[in-house]
Protein backbone atom coordinates (compact mmCIF):
# COMPACT_ATOMS: atom_id res chain seq x y z
CA UNK A 1 0.00 0.00 0.00
CA UNK A 2 1.29 3.46 -0.89
CA UNK A 3 0.66 5.80 2.04
CA UNK A 4 1.06 8.87 -0.17
CA UNK A 5 -1.53 7.59 -2.61
CA UNK A 6 -3.97 7.19 0.29
CA UNK A 7 -3.84 10.93 1.01
CA UNK A 8 -6.99 12.19 -0.71
CA UNK A 9 -7.35 15.82 -1.72
CA UNK A 10 -10.54 17.68 -2.64
CA UNK A 11 -11.43 21.09 -4.02
CA UNK A 12 -14.61 23.04 -3.29
CA UNK A 13 -15.33 25.97 -5.60
CA UNK A 14 -17.38 29.09 -4.95
CA UNK A 15 -20.70 27.62 -6.02
CA UNK A 16 -20.29 24.69 -3.65
CA UNK A 17 -19.16 26.70 -0.62
CA UNK A 18 -21.87 29.30 -1.16
CA UNK A 19 -24.66 26.75 -1.46
CA UNK A 20 -23.57 24.92 1.69
CA UNK A 21 -23.32 28.20 3.59
CA UNK A 22 -26.84 29.12 2.48
CA UNK A 23 -28.07 25.78 3.79
CA UNK A 24 -26.35 26.34 7.15
CA UNK A 25 -27.95 29.81 7.33
CA UNK A 26 -28.49 31.43 10.74
CA UNK A 27 -27.23 28.26 12.40
CA UNK A 28 -23.80 29.71 11.70
CA UNK A 29 -24.40 32.23 14.50
CA UNK A 30 -24.50 29.42 17.07
CA UNK A 31 -21.53 27.76 15.34
CA UNK A 32 -19.51 30.96 15.70
CA UNK A 33 -20.47 31.19 19.36
CA UNK A 34 -19.24 27.65 19.98
CA UNK A 35 -15.95 28.40 18.21
CA UNK A 36 -15.49 31.50 20.36
CA UNK A 37 -16.16 29.38 23.45
CA UNK A 38 -13.54 26.82 22.40
CA UNK A 39 -11.11 29.69 21.86
CA UNK A 40 -11.86 31.16 25.29
CA UNK A 41 -11.15 27.76 26.88
CA UNK A 42 -7.72 27.54 25.27
CA UNK A 43 -8.69 24.84 22.78
CA UNK A 44 -7.41 26.71 19.75
CA UNK A 45 -4.12 27.96 18.39
CA UNK A 46 -4.66 31.26 16.61
CA UNK A 47 -1.46 33.20 15.86
CA UNK A 48 -1.45 36.78 14.71
CA UNK A 49 -2.52 37.39 11.14
CA UNK A 50 0.30 38.08 8.71
CA UNK A 51 -0.05 41.03 6.34
CA UNK A 52 1.59 41.21 2.93
CA UNK A 53 1.56 44.87 1.91
CA UNK A 54 2.75 46.62 -1.22
CA UNK A 55 4.73 49.89 -0.94
CA UNK A 56 3.48 51.11 -4.31
CA UNK A 57 -0.20 50.48 -3.49
CA UNK A 58 -0.87 51.04 0.20
CA UNK A 59 -4.57 50.17 0.02
CA UNK A 60 -3.88 46.63 -1.23
CA UNK A 61 -3.00 43.74 1.07
CA UNK A 62 -3.05 39.97 1.30
CA UNK A 63 -3.51 38.41 4.72
CA UNK A 64 -2.59 34.95 6.01
CA UNK A 65 -4.70 33.63 8.90
CA UNK A 66 -3.39 30.31 10.27
CA UNK A 67 -5.29 28.51 13.01
CA UNK A 68 -5.87 25.14 14.65
CA UNK A 69 -8.59 23.57 16.75
CA UNK A 70 -6.79 21.37 19.27
CA UNK A 71 -9.88 19.69 20.70
CA UNK A 72 -9.28 15.95 21.04
CA UNK A 73 -12.72 15.20 19.57
CA UNK A 74 -12.17 16.75 16.15
CA UNK A 75 -8.83 18.51 15.74
CA UNK A 76 -8.06 20.33 12.49
CA UNK A 77 -5.73 23.04 11.29
CA UNK A 78 -5.57 25.28 8.26
CA UNK A 79 -4.85 28.67 6.81
CA UNK A 80 -6.87 31.29 4.97
CA UNK A 81 -5.13 33.45 2.36
CA UNK A 82 -7.32 36.47 1.61
CA UNK A 83 -6.59 39.48 -0.55
CA UNK A 84 -8.18 42.91 -0.33
CA UNK A 85 -7.76 45.09 -3.43
CA UNK A 86 -10.33 47.91 -3.10
CA UNK A 87 -9.86 49.15 -6.68
CA UNK A 88 -11.08 45.81 -8.03
CA UNK A 89 -14.59 47.23 -8.31
CA UNK A 90 -13.30 49.42 -11.15
CA UNK A 91 -12.37 46.21 -12.97
CA UNK A 92 -15.73 44.63 -12.32
CA UNK A 93 -14.20 42.31 -9.72
CA UNK A 94 -14.92 41.79 -6.00
CA UNK A 95 -12.65 43.59 -3.54
CA UNK A 96 -11.82 40.38 -1.68
CA UNK A 97 -10.79 36.94 -2.91
CA UNK A 98 -9.65 34.04 -0.76
CA UNK A 99 -8.78 30.39 -0.45
CA UNK A 100 -8.74 28.14 2.61
CA UNK A 101 -6.46 25.12 3.01
CA UNK A 102 -7.42 22.47 5.59
CA UNK A 103 -4.77 20.16 7.07
CA UNK A 104 -5.13 16.75 8.67
CA UNK A 105 -4.33 16.93 12.39
CA UNK A 106 -2.47 13.59 12.45
CA UNK A 107 -0.27 13.90 9.35
CA UNK A 108 -0.27 17.60 8.54
CA UNK A 109 -1.22 16.76 4.96
CA UNK A 110 -3.61 19.22 3.29
CA UNK A 111 -6.88 17.47 2.49
CA UNK A 112 -9.01 20.26 1.05
CA UNK A 113 -8.86 23.59 -0.76
CA UNK A 114 -11.96 25.77 -0.51
CA UNK A 115 -12.91 29.04 -2.15
CA UNK A 116 -13.16 31.17 0.94
CA UNK A 117 -14.38 34.68 0.16
CA UNK A 118 -17.91 33.46 0.82
CA UNK A 119 -16.82 31.80 4.06
CA UNK A 120 -15.26 35.09 5.17
CA UNK A 121 -18.44 37.00 4.43
CA UNK A 122 -20.74 34.53 6.16
CA UNK A 123 -18.62 34.07 9.28
CA UNK A 124 -18.18 37.85 9.56
CA UNK A 125 -21.93 38.27 9.32
CA UNK A 126 -22.59 35.55 11.89
CA UNK A 127 -20.10 37.13 14.29
CA UNK A 128 -21.71 40.55 13.81
CA UNK A 129 -25.20 39.28 14.59
CA UNK A 130 -23.91 37.29 17.58
CA UNK A 131 -22.38 40.53 18.87
CA UNK A 132 -25.65 42.38 18.34
CA UNK A 133 -27.52 39.69 20.26
CA UNK A 134 -25.06 39.92 23.14
CA UNK A 135 -24.91 43.72 23.32
CA UNK A 136 -28.69 44.06 23.13
CA UNK A 137 -29.47 41.44 25.75
CA UNK A 138 -30.86 38.88 23.33
CA UNK A 139 -33.47 41.23 21.86
CA UNK A 140 -33.90 40.93 18.10
CA UNK A 141 -35.60 44.23 17.49
CA UNK A 142 -34.48 47.83 17.07
CA UNK A 143 -36.04 51.02 15.83
CA UNK A 144 -33.53 51.97 13.15
CA UNK A 145 -30.52 50.06 11.87
CA UNK A 146 -27.99 51.82 9.66
CA UNK A 147 -25.31 50.19 7.57
CA UNK A 148 -22.33 52.23 6.44
CA UNK A 149 -20.97 50.57 3.32
CA UNK A 150 -22.78 48.79 0.50
CA UNK A 151 -20.40 45.99 -0.41
CA UNK A 152 -20.32 42.24 0.09
CA UNK A 153 -19.78 42.35 3.86
CA UNK A 154 -22.58 44.88 4.36
CA UNK A 155 -24.94 42.70 2.33
CA UNK A 156 -23.90 39.56 4.19
CA UNK A 157 -24.44 41.15 7.61
CA UNK A 158 -27.87 42.48 6.73
CA UNK A 159 -28.88 39.15 5.19
CA UNK A 160 -27.84 37.40 8.41
CA UNK A 161 -29.94 39.83 10.48
CA UNK A 162 -32.92 38.96 8.28
CA UNK A 163 -32.23 35.21 8.50
CA UNK A 164 -32.04 35.54 12.30
CA UNK A 165 -35.52 37.12 12.24
CA UNK A 166 -34.58 40.60 13.44
CA UNK A 167 -37.23 43.31 13.11
CA UNK A 168 -36.57 46.99 12.37
CA UNK A 169 -38.84 49.97 11.90
CA UNK A 170 -36.50 51.44 9.29
CA UNK A 171 -33.20 50.73 7.58
CA UNK A 172 -30.68 53.39 6.57
CA UNK A 173 -27.77 53.02 4.16
CA UNK A 174 -24.80 55.32 3.72
CA UNK A 175 -22.10 54.86 1.11
CA UNK A 176 -19.72 57.19 -0.68
CA UNK A 177 -21.28 56.02 -3.94
CA UNK A 178 -24.89 57.19 -3.97
CA UNK A 179 -25.86 54.75 -6.71
CA UNK A 180 -24.61 51.83 -4.63
CA UNK A 181 -26.42 53.11 -1.53
CA UNK A 182 -29.70 53.56 -3.39
CA UNK A 183 -29.49 50.12 -4.96
CA UNK A 184 -28.71 48.48 -1.63
CA UNK A 185 -31.57 50.36 0.01
CA UNK A 186 -33.99 48.89 -2.52
CA UNK A 187 -32.70 45.39 -1.74
CA UNK A 188 -33.11 45.95 2.00
CA UNK A 189 -36.61 47.35 1.55
CA UNK A 190 -37.61 44.07 -0.02
CA UNK A 191 -35.59 41.93 2.43
CA UNK A 192 -37.07 43.42 5.61
CA UNK A 193 -40.41 44.70 4.31
CA UNK A 194 -39.77 48.04 5.95
CA UNK A 195 -38.73 51.54 4.79
CA UNK A 196 -35.10 51.64 3.66
CA UNK A 197 -33.36 54.70 2.31
CA UNK A 198 -29.98 56.16 1.42
CA UNK A 199 -29.01 58.76 4.04
CA UNK A 200 -26.17 61.07 5.02
CA UNK A 201 -23.40 59.93 7.34
CA UNK A 202 -24.76 62.16 10.10
CA UNK A 203 -28.18 60.53 9.85
CA UNK A 204 -26.72 57.02 9.74
CA UNK A 205 -24.74 57.65 12.92
CA UNK A 206 -27.98 58.38 14.82
CA UNK A 207 -29.40 54.86 14.30
CA UNK A 208 -30.06 52.48 17.17
CA UNK A 209 -27.71 49.93 15.59
CA UNK A 210 -24.91 51.15 13.33
CA UNK A 211 -23.06 48.59 11.21
CA UNK A 212 -19.66 49.75 9.96
CA UNK A 213 -18.72 47.70 6.87
CA UNK A 214 -16.30 49.80 4.85
CA UNK A 215 -12.75 49.62 3.52
CA UNK A 216 -11.65 52.68 5.51
CA UNK A 217 -8.02 52.59 6.60
CA UNK A 218 -8.31 55.49 9.06
CA UNK A 219 -11.17 56.92 11.15
CA UNK A 220 -13.61 59.26 9.41
CA UNK A 221 -16.38 59.48 12.04
CA UNK A 222 -16.03 62.96 13.59
CA UNK A 223 -14.14 62.85 16.89
CA UNK A 224 -16.68 65.19 18.48
CA UNK A 225 -19.71 63.10 17.52
CA UNK A 226 -21.39 61.82 20.70
CA UNK A 227 -23.24 58.51 20.46
CA UNK A 228 -26.25 57.91 22.69
CA UNK A 229 -26.07 55.46 25.57
CA UNK A 230 -28.63 53.16 23.93
CA UNK A 231 -26.75 52.80 20.65
CA UNK A 232 -25.02 49.62 19.48
CA UNK A 233 -22.05 50.03 17.14
CA UNK A 234 -20.89 46.98 15.19
CA UNK A 235 -17.30 47.88 14.36
CA UNK A 236 -16.91 45.24 11.66
CA UNK A 237 -14.41 47.12 9.49
CA UNK A 238 -12.48 48.08 12.64
CA UNK A 239 -11.01 51.43 11.54
CA UNK A 240 -14.00 53.76 11.11
CA UNK A 241 -14.26 55.10 14.66
CA UNK A 242 -11.92 57.64 16.27
CA UNK A 243 -10.20 56.85 19.58
CA UNK A 244 -12.52 59.31 21.31
CA UNK A 245 -15.53 57.13 20.50
CA UNK A 246 -13.82 53.97 21.73
CA UNK A 247 -12.69 55.58 24.98
CA UNK A 248 -16.20 56.84 25.74
CA UNK A 249 -17.94 53.50 25.11
CA UNK A 250 -18.35 49.96 26.36
CA UNK A 251 -15.98 47.83 24.29
CA UNK A 252 -16.57 44.15 23.61
CA UNK A 253 -14.29 42.02 21.42
CA UNK A 254 -14.00 38.53 19.98
CA UNK A 255 -10.38 38.50 21.18
CA UNK A 256 -8.80 41.52 22.85
CA UNK A 257 -5.17 40.83 21.96
CA UNK A 258 -5.92 40.23 18.30
CA UNK A 259 -8.05 43.33 17.92
CA UNK A 260 -5.65 45.74 19.59
CA UNK A 261 -3.22 45.58 16.68
CA UNK A 262 -2.76 46.87 13.12
CA UNK A 263 -4.02 50.39 13.79
CA UNK A 264 -7.62 49.38 14.44
CA UNK A 265 -9.75 51.94 16.25
CA UNK A 266 -9.28 50.12 19.60
CA UNK A 267 -5.53 49.95 18.93
CA UNK A 268 -5.48 53.72 18.36
CA UNK A 269 -7.35 54.15 21.65
CA UNK A 270 -4.77 52.02 23.46
CA UNK A 271 -1.97 54.10 21.96
CA UNK A 272 -3.76 57.27 23.05
CA UNK A 273 -4.09 56.36 26.73
CA UNK A 274 -1.31 53.79 27.14
CA UNK A 275 -3.48 51.09 28.71
CA UNK A 276 -6.53 48.90 28.14
CA UNK A 277 -8.80 50.31 30.80
CA UNK A 278 -11.48 50.94 28.14
CA UNK A 279 -11.86 47.18 27.47
CA UNK A 280 -15.12 45.75 28.82
CA UNK A 281 -14.49 42.11 27.89
CA UNK A 282 -15.09 39.49 25.22
CA UNK A 283 -18.38 38.48 23.69
CA UNK A 284 -18.18 35.13 25.52
CA UNK A 285 -17.61 36.90 28.83
CA UNK A 286 -20.60 39.14 28.14
CA UNK A 287 -22.83 36.20 27.24
CA UNK A 288 -21.75 34.37 30.40
CA UNK A 289 -22.28 37.37 32.68
CA UNK A 290 -18.58 37.70 33.46
CA UNK A 291 -18.60 41.35 32.41
CA UNK A 292 -21.35 43.93 32.18
CA UNK A 293 -22.16 46.96 30.05
CA UNK A 294 -22.32 50.42 31.61
CA UNK A 295 -25.85 51.59 30.68
CA UNK A 296 -24.66 55.20 30.55
CA UNK A 297 -22.42 54.47 27.53
CA UNK A 298 -22.85 53.43 23.92
CA UNK A 299 -21.60 49.91 23.21
CA UNK A 300 -19.06 48.92 20.54
CA UNK A 301 -18.45 45.38 19.32
CA UNK A 302 -15.12 44.92 17.53
CA UNK A 303 -14.61 41.43 16.04
CA UNK A 304 -11.14 41.09 14.53
CA UNK A 305 -12.15 38.03 12.54
CA UNK A 306 -9.93 35.17 13.62
CA UNK A 307 -8.71 32.41 11.33
CA UNK A 308 -10.15 29.76 13.63
CA UNK A 309 -13.63 30.74 12.42
CA UNK A 310 -12.66 30.06 8.81
CA UNK A 311 -10.96 26.76 9.64
CA UNK A 312 -13.82 25.35 11.72
CA UNK A 313 -16.60 26.53 9.42
CA UNK A 314 -14.59 25.42 6.40
CA UNK A 315 -14.28 21.95 7.86
CA UNK A 316 -18.05 21.79 8.43
CA UNK A 317 -18.64 22.84 4.83
CA UNK A 318 -16.13 20.29 3.55
CA UNK A 319 -17.59 17.28 5.33
CA UNK A 320 -21.14 18.22 4.37
CA UNK A 321 -20.13 18.63 0.72
CA UNK A 322 -18.10 15.40 0.81
CA UNK A 323 -21.01 13.40 2.24
CA UNK A 324 -23.31 14.76 -0.46
CA UNK A 325 -20.89 14.13 -3.33
CA UNK A 326 -20.28 17.81 -4.04
CA UNK A 327 -16.53 17.93 -3.30
CA UNK A 328 -14.23 17.47 -6.30
CA UNK A 329 -11.44 14.96 -5.73
CA UNK A 330 -8.07 15.62 -7.38
CA UNK A 331 -6.50 12.18 -8.00
CA UNK A 332 -2.80 11.71 -7.29
CA UNK A 333 -2.44 15.27 -6.00
CA UNK A 334 0.53 14.23 -3.86
CA UNK A 335 3.54 12.63 -5.55
CA UNK A 336 4.03 8.95 -4.74
CA UNK A 337 7.64 9.36 -3.72
CA UNK A 338 9.53 7.29 -1.13
CA UNK A 339 10.06 8.75 2.32
CA UNK A 340 13.21 10.80 2.73
């Protein structure tokens, strides 16, 4: 028997990963919560993300996110390689593209390659809605929700809110491109069956829930803007808010150490004051009652987006697709060479 030949390798393209994700639907929110709980219990290895940047094009980057689930029941490791090229929309291409490689825990051999831009969007959306649930005490209703940004992540987050049966009296959209904002508003009007309109930034910032889903590299929200105590800010794109907003708010994270890096808004706040006294806790700590929100402050949820989410959700997608005959096997992917 040739041990190398026994190492099977499969590929899952975009159509396959997307269809499986659609089938998993809002159940991904609970999946993300369980992954966060495993992480909080020390059952994961999730190193810092690695950024490949280009001196001649500062807005472009490719990020490597390695991670491993070390649970004895179902260990797995892998790495996501995701690019962000904001000018792609001018070429008629998505801003982000990604692949995910999954590795066998016993041998280290890769066993699957998945198109992963859809996984990124869905797990980001699930994390956002989990954060909204936690920060709003489990309530799935708000007067007005505003989304700043009209791209793939914004659409994914709002679709996850709808799938999780949230109710809103009105939906606001703000984007630098008015045509994009108007088109997205029409989609949301149909999705939620409620008024949805393109609005100014100032109006968007007044909403009960504000979703930040942009490609901003530095804060643009005015430093002197004061958010109300009852507002929930989903800091998905991580760099929209000024340090002043972070320092005046409750701050909940998926992982504190990961998020306070790479010039995120919370990282800028830490640099401003020289400590982490503004940190309230993690989303798991909030769900478990190990930390509490100050009702006199607005609340910010900043999920850095850890690779362990991609690896664990990718594995779930892979095994579902494999069982249903949707994964494409690549025969003899590994060379049948003798051990050296």
